[in-house]
Amino acid sequence: MLHEQRTAMYRQRLALAPTAPAPGCGPHLTSLGRLLWTRGFDWEQVARAPALHLVQDGAGWLAVDGGAEQALAAGDAFLLVPGERARYREDPRRPWRYAWIGLAGEGARELLAQAGFAGPQRVLRAAATPRLWRLCTEIERVFAGVACSPFQAPALAWRLAEALAPEPPPGAGDPSLALRLLIDSGYEPGLGVDEAAARLGVDRTTLFRRFRRAYGCAPREYLRRARLERARDLLRRSPRSVAEVAAACGYGDPRAFARAYRAVFGCAPGEDAGLRRP
């Protein structure tokens, strides 16, 4: 079942499991929410059940039980545990977009511990992979139906734990492919050739040369195009302003963003924003 929640701080689409799980089934999923739009998001709560949050865009911070804040970035996953007071908030310069997944049932906490949230660990870096986002889309589709099998929610919980498990780096053995997949999986603020080369364990010059040979352009140009493609998608389907989209895609100067956008797409960002679906 799909619901939409709107407040002055955020807009969220919520999919709830339409069918109760089989009795004694163990850990199972109960809901999937997508934070679609925010304005100064700053939330504090004591969770009643485990909830896994997956950051897709933007940046922010998490603090548990009044402790020190942990920085959050695109690709990170953070866990809210029953009984703990958690405060999570976005960086106003880089608004959030994320999904969250509710779990319940005996063994739910243990299942997440096996996936990496063991002991005091509340944040998993770069855990929200394309595989996990595809699973979120499937969960939402299943929960949006009129009914589903009582065994689907438990099965999805185990698939969630599997998707959180580390997997081999994309493009292992081919640094140019690895960099392309890194860019395609979602824009990361601050990502550049030097940082990517260090992450992939290759020399910057080698990475640059191989990427140009494989894709016919420099990594910086490919990244610029990916950022602008991401911006066009946000302009057409989200309620964010042009300035907010520019900031979310790494452009601190809206005028520079508008020039780059027009050079690639032949129109101003505001013209594409006018095409967004109601």
C-alpha atoms as a PDB file:
ATOM      1  CA  MET A   1       0.000   0.000   0.000  1.00  0.00           C
ATOM      2  CA  LEU A   2       1.368   3.391  -1.003  1.00  0.00           C
ATOM      3  CA  HIS A   3       0.977   6.553   1.063  1.00  0.00           C
ATOM      4  CA  GLU A   4       2.448  10.019   0.737  1.00  0.00           C
ATOM      5  CA  GLN A   5       3.344  12.208   3.679  1.00  0.00           C
ATOM      6  CA  ARG A   6       3.934  15.949   3.372  1.00  0.00           C
ATOM      7  CA  THR A   7       5.235  18.283   6.057  1.00  0.00           C
ATOM      8  CA  ALA A   8       6.974  21.657   5.996  1.00  0.00           C
ATOM      9  CA  MET A   9      10.281  19.772   6.405  1.00  0.00           C
ATOM     10  CA  TYR A  10       9.932  16.878   3.954  1.00  0.00           C
ATOM     11  CA  ARG A  11       7.846  14.945   1.462  1.00  0.00           C
ATOM     12  CA  GLN A  12       7.939  11.152   1.668  1.00  0.00           C
ATOM     13  CA  ARG A  13       6.398   8.220  -0.186  1.00  0.00           C
ATOM     14  CA  LEU A  14       5.727   5.215   2.031  1.00  0.00           C
ATOM     15  CA  ALA A  15       5.050   1.629   0.947  1.00  0.00           C
ATOM     16  CA  LEU A  16       3.661  -0.702   3.643  1.00  0.00           C
ATOM     17  CA  ALA A  17       3.585  -4.484   3.422  1.00  0.00           C
ATOM     18  CA  PRO A  18       0.001  -5.292   2.392  1.00  0.00           C
ATOM     19  CA  THR A  19       0.000  -8.807   3.876  1.00  0.00           C
ATOM     20  CA  ALA A  20       0.909  -9.896   7.407  1.00  0.00           C
ATOM     21  CA  PRO A  21       3.852 -12.322   7.484  1.00  0.00           C
ATOM     22  CA  ALA A  22       3.415 -15.936   8.449  1.00  0.00           C
ATOM     23  CA  PRO A  23       3.407 -16.487  12.254  1.00  0.00           C
ATOM     24  CA  GLY A  24       6.860 -17.188  13.664  1.00  0.00           C
ATOM     25  CA  CYS A  25       8.533 -16.303  10.373  1.00  0.00           C
ATOM     26  CA  GLY A  26      11.412 -14.464  12.022  1.00  0.00           C
ATOM     27  CA  PRO A  27      12.853 -11.223  10.654  1.00  0.00           C
ATOM     28  CA  HIS A  28      10.787  -9.545   7.943  1.00  0.00           C
ATOM     29  CA  LEU A  29      10.355  -6.199   6.224  1.00  0.00           C
ATOM     30  CA  THR A  30       7.422  -3.988   7.165  1.00  0.00           C
ATOM     31  CA  SER A  31       7.851  -0.838   5.079  1.00  0.00           C
ATOM     32  CA  LEU A  32       9.925   1.136   2.637  1.00  0.00           C
ATOM     33  CA  GLY A  33       9.951   4.913   2.574  1.00  0.00           C
ATOM     34  CA  ARG A  34      11.513   7.312   0.087  1.00  0.00           C
ATOM     35  CA  LEU A  35      12.386  10.825   1.147  1.00  0.00           C
ATOM     36  CA  LEU A  36      11.583  12.797  -2.010  1.00  0.00           C
ATOM     37  CA  TRP A  37      12.064  16.386  -0.916  1.00  0.00           C
ATOM     38  CA  THR A  38      13.482  18.146   2.126  1.00  0.00           C
ATOM     39  CA  ARG A  39      13.921  21.605   3.560  1.00  0.00           C
ATOM     40  CA  GLY A  40      16.288  21.817   6.502  1.00  0.00           C
ATOM     41  CA  PHE A  41      15.661  18.179   7.496  1.00  0.00           C
ATOM     42  CA  ASP A  42      16.559  17.695  11.184  1.00  0.00           C
ATOM     43  CA  TRP A  43      14.870  14.804  12.996  1.00  0.00           C
ATOM     44  CA  GLU A  44      15.182  13.243  16.434  1.00  0.00           C
ATOM     45  CA  GLN A  45      13.438  10.062  17.549  1.00  0.00           C
ATOM     46  CA  VAL A  46      13.574   6.872  19.592  1.00  0.00           C
ATOM     47  CA  ALA A  47      12.913   4.054  17.147  1.00  0.00           C
ATOM     48  CA  ARG A  48      10.380   1.360  18.054  1.00  0.00           C
ATOM     49  CA  ALA A  49      11.794  -1.141  15.554  1.00  0.00           C
ATOM     50  CA  PRO A  50      15.029  -1.429  13.565  1.00  0.00           C
ATOM     51  CA  ALA A  51      15.095   0.947  10.605  1.00  0.00           C
ATOM     52  CA  LEU A  52      17.797   1.008   7.954  1.00  0.00           C
ATOM     53  CA  HIS A  53      18.381   4.321   6.146  1.00  0.00           C
ATOM     54  CA  LEU A  54      20.188   4.463   2.792  1.00  0.00           C
ATOM     55  CA  VAL A  55      21.586   7.809   1.642  1.00  0.00           C
ATOM     56  CA  GLN A  56      21.284   8.263  -2.116  1.00  0.00           C
ATOM     57  CA  ASP A  57      22.091  11.972  -2.485  1.00  0.00           C
ATOM     58  CA  GLY A  58      23.346  14.749  -0.269  1.00  0.00           C
ATOM     59  CA  ALA A  59      25.156  14.697   3.062  1.00  0.00           C
ATOM     60  CA  GLY A  60      24.416  15.037   6.753  1.00  0.00           C
ATOM     61  CA  TRP A  61      25.124  13.755  10.239  1.00  0.00           C
ATOM     62  CA  LEU A  62      23.942  11.094  12.713  1.00  0.00           C
ATOM     63  CA  ALA A  63      24.259  11.223  16.496  1.00  0.00           C
ATOM     64  CA  VAL A  64      23.126   8.397  18.806  1.00  0.00           C
ATOM     65  CA  ASP A  65      22.167   8.913  22.455  1.00  0.00           C
ATOM     66  CA  GLY A  66      23.755  12.358  22.512  1.00  0.00           C
ATOM     67  CA  GLY A  67      27.138  11.123  21.292  1.00  0.00           C
ATOM     68  CA  ALA A  68      29.418  12.691  18.719  1.00  0.00           C
ATOM     69  CA  GLU A  69      27.980  13.224  15.252  1.00  0.00           C
ATOM     70  CA  GLN A  70      29.075  10.920  12.443  1.00  0.00           C
ATOM     71  CA  ALA A  71      29.244  12.415   8.952  1.00  0.00           C
ATOM     72  CA  LEU A  72      27.016  10.814   6.308  1.00  0.00           C
ATOM     73  CA  ALA A  73      27.479  10.934   2.533  1.00  0.00           C
ATOM     74  CA  ALA A  74      25.890   9.455  -0.577  1.00  0.00           C
ATOM     75  CA  GLY A  75      26.148   5.670  -0.479  1.00  0.00           C
ATOM     76  CA  ASP A  76      26.222   5.374   3.309  1.00  0.00           C
ATOM     77  CA  ALA A  77      23.745   3.269   5.280  1.00  0.00           C
ATOM     78  CA  PHE A  78      22.823   4.037   8.882  1.00  0.00           C
ATOM     79  CA  LEU A  79      20.794   2.022  11.357  1.00  0.00           C
ATOM     80  CA  LEU A  80      18.287   3.168  13.960  1.00  0.00           C
ATOM     81  CA  VAL A  81      18.003   0.716  16.857  1.00  0.00           C
ATOM     82  CA  PRO A  82      14.988   0.425  19.199  1.00  0.00           C
ATOM     83  CA  GLY A  83      15.519   2.225  22.490  1.00  0.00           C
ATOM     84  CA  GLU A  84      18.278   4.527  21.229  1.00  0.00           C
ATOM     85  CA  ARG A  85      17.676   8.241  20.743  1.00  0.00           C
ATOM     86  CA  ALA A  86      18.951   9.188  17.321  1.00  0.00           C
ATOM     87  CA  ARG A  87      19.229  12.601  15.727  1.00  0.00           C
ATOM     88  CA  TYR A  88      19.879  12.729  12.006  1.00  0.00           C
ATOM     89  CA  ARG A  89      20.020  15.875   9.928  1.00  0.00           C
ATOM     90  CA  GLU A  90      21.028  16.971   6.467  1.00  0.00           C
ATOM     91  CA  ASP A  91      23.646  19.457   5.357  1.00  0.00           C
ATOM     92  CA  PRO A  92      21.519  22.406   4.080  1.00  0.00           C
ATOM     93  CA  ARG A  93      24.002  22.912   1.250  1.00  0.00           C
ATOM     94  CA  ARG A  94      23.580  19.303   0.087  1.00  0.00           C
ATOM     95  CA  PRO A  95      19.945  18.263   0.714  1.00  0.00           C
ATOM     96  CA  TRP A  96      19.162  14.654   1.358  1.00  0.00           C
ATOM     97  CA  ARG A  97      17.428  12.079  -0.764  1.00  0.00           C
ATOM     98  CA  TYR A  98      17.296   8.602   0.721  1.00  0.00           C
ATOM     99  CA  ALA A  99      15.264   5.478   1.307  1.00  0.00           C
ATOM    100  CA  TRP A 100      14.556   3.803   4.620  1.00  0.00           C
ATOM    101  CA  ILE A 101      13.459   0.244   5.350  1.00  0.00           C
ATOM    102  CA  GLY A 102      11.565  -0.925   8.424  1.00  0.00           C
ATOM    103  CA  LEU A 103      12.166  -4.380   9.893  1.00  0.00           C
ATOM    104  CA  ALA A 104      10.456  -6.415  12.588  1.00  0.00           C
ATOM    105  CA  GLY A 105      10.301  -9.917  13.976  1.00  0.00           C
ATOM    106  CA  GLU A 106      12.509 -12.045  16.163  1.00  0.00           C
ATOM    107  CA  GLY A 107      16.080 -12.036  14.905  1.00  0.00           C
ATOM    108  CA  ALA A 108      15.849  -8.773  12.931  1.00  0.00           C
ATOM    109  CA  ARG A 109      18.646  -7.147  14.930  1.00  0.00           C
ATOM    110  CA  GLU A 110      20.822 -10.260  14.623  1.00  0.00           C
ATOM    111  CA  LEU A 111      20.249 -10.327  10.878  1.00  0.00           C
ATOM    112  CA  LEU A 112      21.534  -6.766  10.577  1.00  0.00           C
ATOM    113  CA  ALA A 113      24.498  -7.608  12.789  1.00  0.00           C
ATOM    114  CA  GLN A 114      25.489 -10.331  10.346  1.00  0.00           C
ATOM    115  CA  ALA A 115      25.246  -7.762   7.555  1.00  0.00           C
ATOM    116  CA  GLY A 116      27.788  -5.506   9.299  1.00  0.00           C
ATOM    117  CA  PHE A 117      25.916  -3.575  12.006  1.00  0.00           C
ATOM    118  CA  ALA A 118      27.597  -5.437  14.859  1.00  0.00           C
ATOM    119  CA  GLY A 119      28.101  -3.995  18.344  1.00  0.00           C
ATOM    120  CA  PRO A 120      28.003  -0.181  18.372  1.00  0.00           C
ATOM    121  CA  GLN A 121      28.368   0.060  14.586  1.00  0.00           C
ATOM    122  CA  ARG A 122      25.597   2.308  13.259  1.00  0.00           C
ATOM    123  CA  VAL A 123      27.032   3.468   9.911  1.00  0.00           C
ATOM    124  CA  LEU A 124      28.247   1.369   6.991  1.00  0.00           C
ATOM    125  CA  ARG A 125      30.237   3.321   4.434  1.00  0.00           C
ATOM    126  CA  ALA A 126      29.424   2.937   0.723  1.00  0.00           C
ATOM    127  CA  ALA A 127      26.967   0.123   1.547  1.00  0.00           C
ATOM    128  CA  ALA A 128      24.114   1.532  -0.570  1.00  0.00           C
ATOM    129  CA  THR A 129      25.255  -0.049  -3.824  1.00  0.00           C
ATOM    130  CA  PRO A 130      23.332  -0.219  -7.123  1.00  0.00           C
ATOM    131  CA  ARG A 131      22.369  -3.781  -6.163  1.00  0.00           C
ATOM    132  CA  LEU A 132      20.764  -2.487  -2.977  1.00  0.00           C
ATOM    133  CA  TRP A 133      18.914   0.318  -4.807  1.00  0.00           C
ATOM    134  CA  ARG A 134      17.509  -2.226  -7.262  1.00  0.00           C
ATOM    135  CA  LEU A 135      16.266  -4.260  -4.299  1.00  0.00           C
ATOM    136  CA  CYS A 136      14.587  -1.136  -2.859  1.00  0.00           C
ATOM    137  CA  THR A 137      12.731  -0.666  -6.138  1.00  0.00           C
ATOM    138  CA  GLU A 138      11.576  -4.284  -6.007  1.00  0.00           C
ATOM    139  CA  ILE A 139      10.453  -3.961  -2.368  1.00  0.00           C
ATOM    140  CA  GLU A 140       8.424  -0.877  -3.230  1.00  0.00           C
ATOM    141  CA  ARG A 141       6.806  -2.656  -6.188  1.00  0.00           C
ATOM    142  CA  VAL A 142       5.879  -5.684  -4.055  1.00  0.00           C
ATOM    143  CA  PHE A 143       4.496  -3.558  -1.203  1.00  0.00           C
ATOM    144  CA  ALA A 144       2.539  -1.334  -3.592  1.00  0.00           C
ATOM    145  CA  GLY A 145       0.463  -4.344  -4.658  1.00  0.00           C
ATOM    146  CA  VAL A 146      -2.909  -5.250  -3.217  1.00  0.00           C
ATOM    147  CA  ALA A 147      -1.506  -8.355  -1.553  1.00  0.00           C
ATOM    148  CA  CYS A 148       1.629 -10.428  -1.458  1.00  0.00           C
ATOM    149  CA  SER A 149       2.606 -13.830  -0.203  1.00  0.00           C
ATOM    150  CA  PRO A 150       3.091 -14.009   3.604  1.00  0.00           C
ATOM    151  CA  PHE A 151       6.550 -15.396   2.842  1.00  0.00           C
ATOM    152  CA  GLN A 152       7.713 -12.443   0.710  1.00  0.00           C
ATOM    153  CA  ALA A 153       8.443 -10.023   3.558  1.00  0.00           C
ATOM    154  CA  PRO A 154      10.756 -12.546   5.332  1.00  0.00           C
ATOM    155  CA  ALA A 155      12.440 -13.445   2.036  1.00  0.00           C
ATOM    156  CA  LEU A 156      13.070  -9.768   1.301  1.00  0.00           C
ATOM    157  CA  ALA A 157      14.687  -9.329   4.731  1.00  0.00           C
ATOM    158  CA  TRP A 158      17.252 -12.011   3.952  1.00  0.00           C
ATOM    159  CA  ARG A 159      17.875 -10.519   0.528  1.00  0.00           C
ATOM    160  CA  LEU A 160      18.436  -7.151   2.192  1.00  0.00           C
ATOM    161  CA  ALA A 161      21.115  -8.643   4.443  1.00  0.00           C
ATOM    162  CA  GLU A 162      22.738 -10.294   1.426  1.00  0.00           C
ATOM    163  CA  ALA A 163      22.724  -7.005  -0.529  1.00  0.00           C
ATOM    164  CA  LEU A 164      24.428  -5.222   2.386  1.00  0.00           C
ATOM    165  CA  ALA A 165      27.289  -7.731   2.403  1.00  0.00           C
ATOM    166  CA  PRO A 166      30.503  -6.431   0.795  1.00  0.00           C
ATOM    167  CA  GLU A 167      31.015  -7.413  -2.826  1.00  0.00           C
ATOM    168  CA  PRO A 168      34.106  -7.255  -5.032  1.00  0.00           C
ATOM    169  CA  PRO A 169      34.954  -3.764  -6.295  1.00  0.00           C
ATOM    170  CA  PRO A 170      33.205  -3.002  -9.598  1.00  0.00           C
ATOM    171  CA  GLY A 171      35.406  -3.418 -12.612  1.00  0.00           C
ATOM    172  CA  ALA A 172      38.096  -5.239 -10.644  1.00  0.00           C
ATOM    173  CA  GLY A 173      41.176  -5.521 -12.868  1.00  0.00           C
ATOM    174  CA  ASP A 174      40.016  -2.742 -15.225  1.00  0.00           C
ATOM    175  CA  PRO A 175      40.496   0.695 -13.620  1.00  0.00           C
ATOM    176  CA  SER A 176      38.804   2.563 -16.477  1.00  0.00           C
ATOM    177  CA  LEU A 177      35.649   0.442 -16.129  1.00  0.00           C
ATOM    178  CA  ALA A 178      35.824   0.753 -12.333  1.00  0.00           C
ATOM    179  CA  LEU A 179      35.932   4.548 -12.594  1.00  0.00           C
ATOM    180  CA  ARG A 180      33.052   4.646 -15.070  1.00  0.00           C
ATOM    181  CA  LEU A 181      30.908   2.467 -12.795  1.00  0.00           C
ATOM    182  CA  LEU A 182      31.892   4.623  -9.828  1.00  0.00           C
ATOM    183  CA  ILE A 183      30.630   7.712 -11.660  1.00  0.00           C
ATOM    184  CA  ASP A 184      27.506   6.003 -13.043  1.00  0.00           C
ATOM    185  CA  SER A 185      26.442   4.678  -9.636  1.00  0.00           C
ATOM    186  CA  GLY A 186      25.752   8.211  -8.410  1.00  0.00           C
ATOM    187  CA  TYR A 187      27.476  11.578  -8.188  1.00  0.00           C
ATOM    188  CA  GLU A 188      29.795  11.894  -5.184  1.00  0.00           C
ATOM    189  CA  PRO A 189      30.719  15.426  -4.083  1.00  0.00           C
ATOM    190  CA  GLY A 190      34.461  15.919  -4.264  1.00  0.00           C
ATOM    191  CA  LEU A 191      35.073  12.954  -6.555  1.00  0.00           C
ATOM    192  CA  GLY A 192      37.994  13.690  -8.882  1.00  0.00           C
ATOM    193  CA  VAL A 193      40.616  11.782 -10.814  1.00  0.00           C
ATOM    194  CA  ASP A 194      43.165  11.970  -7.971  1.00  0.00           C
ATOM    195  CA  GLU A 195      40.694  10.719  -5.343  1.00  0.00           C
ATOM    196  CA  ALA A 196      39.371   7.991  -7.659  1.00  0.00           C
ATOM    197  CA  ALA A 197      42.876   6.809  -8.560  1.00  0.00           C
ATOM    198  CA  ALA A 198      43.776   6.531  -4.871  1.00  0.00           C
ATOM    199  CA  ARG A 199      40.563   4.612  -4.166  1.00  0.00           C
ATOM    200  CA  LEU A 200      41.194   2.214  -7.053  1.00  0.00           C
ATOM    201  CA  GLY A 201      44.882   1.785  -6.225  1.00  0.00           C
ATOM    202  CA  VAL A 202      46.247   2.931  -9.594  1.00  0.00           C
ATOM    203  CA  ASP A 203      48.446   5.757 -10.803  1.00  0.00           C
ATOM    204  CA  ARG A 204      46.552   8.915 -11.835  1.00  0.00           C
ATOM    205  CA  THR A 205      48.266   9.132 -15.226  1.00  0.00           C
ATOM    206  CA  THR A 206      47.542   5.480 -15.974  1.00  0.00           C
ATOM    207  CA  LEU A 207      43.890   5.875 -15.006  1.00  0.00           C
ATOM    208  CA  PHE A 208      43.528   9.000 -17.178  1.00  0.00           C
ATOM    209  CA  ARG A 209      45.163   7.336 -20.205  1.00  0.00           C
ATOM    210  CA  ARG A 210      43.154   4.115 -19.975  1.00  0.00           C
ATOM    211  CA  PHE A 211      39.866   5.950 -19.455  1.00  0.00           C
ATOM    212  CA  ARG A 212      40.404   8.184 -22.488  1.00  0.00           C
ATOM    213  CA  ARG A 213      41.351   5.188 -24.613  1.00  0.00           C
ATOM    214  CA  ALA A 214      38.269   3.213 -23.493  1.00  0.00           C
ATOM    215  CA  TYR A 215      35.621   5.969 -23.602  1.00  0.00           C
ATOM    216  CA  GLY A 216      37.008   8.660 -25.893  1.00  0.00           C
ATOM    217  CA  CYS A 217      37.019  11.457 -23.333  1.00  0.00           C
ATOM    218  CA  ALA A 218      38.783  12.491 -20.164  1.00  0.00           C
ATOM    219  CA  PRO A 219      37.323  11.323 -16.820  1.00  0.00           C
ATOM    220  CA  ARG A 220      36.551  14.934 -15.869  1.00  0.00           C
ATOM    221  CA  GLU A 221      34.428  15.398 -18.992  1.00  0.00           C
ATOM    222  CA  TYR A 222      32.572  12.122 -18.378  1.00  0.00           C
ATOM    223  CA  LEU A 223      31.933  13.161 -14.767  1.00  0.00           C
ATOM    224  CA  ARG A 224      30.707  16.603 -15.860  1.00  0.00           C
ATOM    225  CA  ARG A 225      28.216  15.020 -18.229  1.00  0.00           C
ATOM    226  CA  ALA A 226      27.047  12.567 -15.552  1.00  0.00           C
ATOM    227  CA  ARG A 227      26.487  15.442 -13.106  1.00  0.00           C
ATOM    228  CA  LEU A 228      24.426  17.360 -15.658  1.00  0.00           C
ATOM    229  CA  GLU A 229      22.393  14.280 -16.606  1.00  0.00           C
ATOM    230  CA  ARG A 230      21.661  13.819 -12.908  1.00  0.00           C
ATOM    231  CA  ALA A 231      20.664  17.476 -12.655  1.00  0.00           C
ATOM    232  CA  ARG A 232      18.253  17.193 -15.587  1.00  0.00           C
ATOM    233  CA  ASP A 233      16.609  14.158 -13.988  1.00  0.00           C
ATOM    234  CA  LEU A 234      16.157  16.028 -10.690  1.00  0.00           C
ATOM    235  CA  LEU A 235      14.798  19.130 -12.418  1.00  0.00           C
ATOM    236  CA  ARG A 236      12.179  17.115 -14.280  1.00  0.00           C
ATOM    237  CA  ARG A 237      10.908  14.958 -11.439  1.00  0.00           C
ATOM    238  CA  SER A 238      11.641  16.650  -8.092  1.00  0.00           C
ATOM    239  CA  PRO A 239      10.212  19.827  -6.547  1.00  0.00           C
ATOM    240  CA  ARG A 240      13.687  21.268  -5.868  1.00  0.00           C
ATOM    241  CA  SER A 241      14.586  24.698  -7.176  1.00  0.00           C
ATOM    242  CA  VAL A 242      17.270  25.201  -9.803  1.00  0.00           C
ATOM    243  CA  ALA A 243      19.686  26.460  -7.140  1.00  0.00           C
ATOM    244  CA  GLU A 244      19.012  23.407  -4.930  1.00  0.00           C
ATOM    245  CA  VAL A 245      19.590  21.033  -7.845  1.00  0.00           C
ATOM    246  CA  ALA A 246      22.796  22.846  -8.772  1.00  0.00           C
ATOM    247  CA  ALA A 247      24.121  22.444  -5.224  1.00  0.00           C
ATOM    248  CA  ALA A 248      23.052  18.785  -5.037  1.00  0.00           C
ATOM    249  CA  CYS A 249      25.029  18.079  -8.220  1.00  0.00           C
ATOM    250  CA  GLY A 250      28.204  19.811  -7.129  1.00  0.00           C
ATOM    251  CA  TYR A 251      27.759  23.321  -8.547  1.00  0.00           C
ATOM    252  CA  GLY A 252      28.292  25.997  -5.931  1.00  0.00           C
ATOM    253  CA  ASP A 253      27.586  28.774  -8.427  1.00  0.00           C
ATOM    254  CA  PRO A 254      24.099  28.582 -10.051  1.00  0.00           C
ATOM    255  CA  ARG A 255      25.291  30.788 -12.917  1.00  0.00           C
ATOM    256  CA  ALA A 256      28.132  28.406 -13.744  1.00  0.00           C
ATOM    257  CA  PHE A 257      25.623  25.562 -13.540  1.00  0.00           C
ATOM    258  CA  ALA A 258      23.266  27.341 -15.958  1.00  0.00           C
ATOM    259  CA  ARG A 259      26.082  27.958 -18.467  1.00  0.00           C
ATOM    260  CA  ALA A 260      27.241  24.338 -18.330  1.00  0.00           C
ATOM    261  CA  TYR A 261      23.635  23.087 -18.596  1.00  0.00           C
ATOM    262  CA  ARG A 262      22.870  25.213 -21.649  1.00  0.00           C
ATOM    263  CA  ALA A 263      26.133  24.165 -23.333  1.00  0.00           C
ATOM    264  CA  VAL A 264      25.154  20.484 -23.070  1.00  0.00           C
ATOM    265  CA  PHE A 265      21.348  20.498 -23.424  1.00  0.00           C
ATOM    266  CA  GLY A 266      20.723  23.690 -25.388  1.00  0.00           C
ATOM    267  CA  CYS A 267      18.280  25.169 -22.881  1.00  0.00           C
ATOM    268  CA  ALA A 268      18.251  26.821 -19.467  1.00  0.00           C
ATOM    269  CA  PRO A 269      17.738  24.625 -16.378  1.00  0.00           C
ATOM    270  CA  GLY A 270      14.478  26.444 -15.630  1.00  0.00           C
ATOM    271  CA  GLU A 271      13.031  25.317 -18.967  1.00  0.00           C
ATOM    272  CA  ASP A 272      13.496  21.666 -18.045  1.00  0.00           C
ATOM    273  CA  ALA A 273      12.150  22.335 -14.533  1.00  0.00           C
ATOM    274  CA  GLY A 274       8.942  23.501 -16.239  1.00  0.00           C
ATOM    275  CA  LEU A 275       8.548  20.017 -17.751  1.00  0.00           C
ATOM    276  CA  ARG A 276       8.392  18.210 -14.398  1.00  0.00           C
ATOM    277  CA  ARG A 277       5.395  15.987 -13.848  1.00  0.00           C
ATOM    278  CA  PRO A 278       2.820  17.228 -11.304  1.00  0.00           C
END
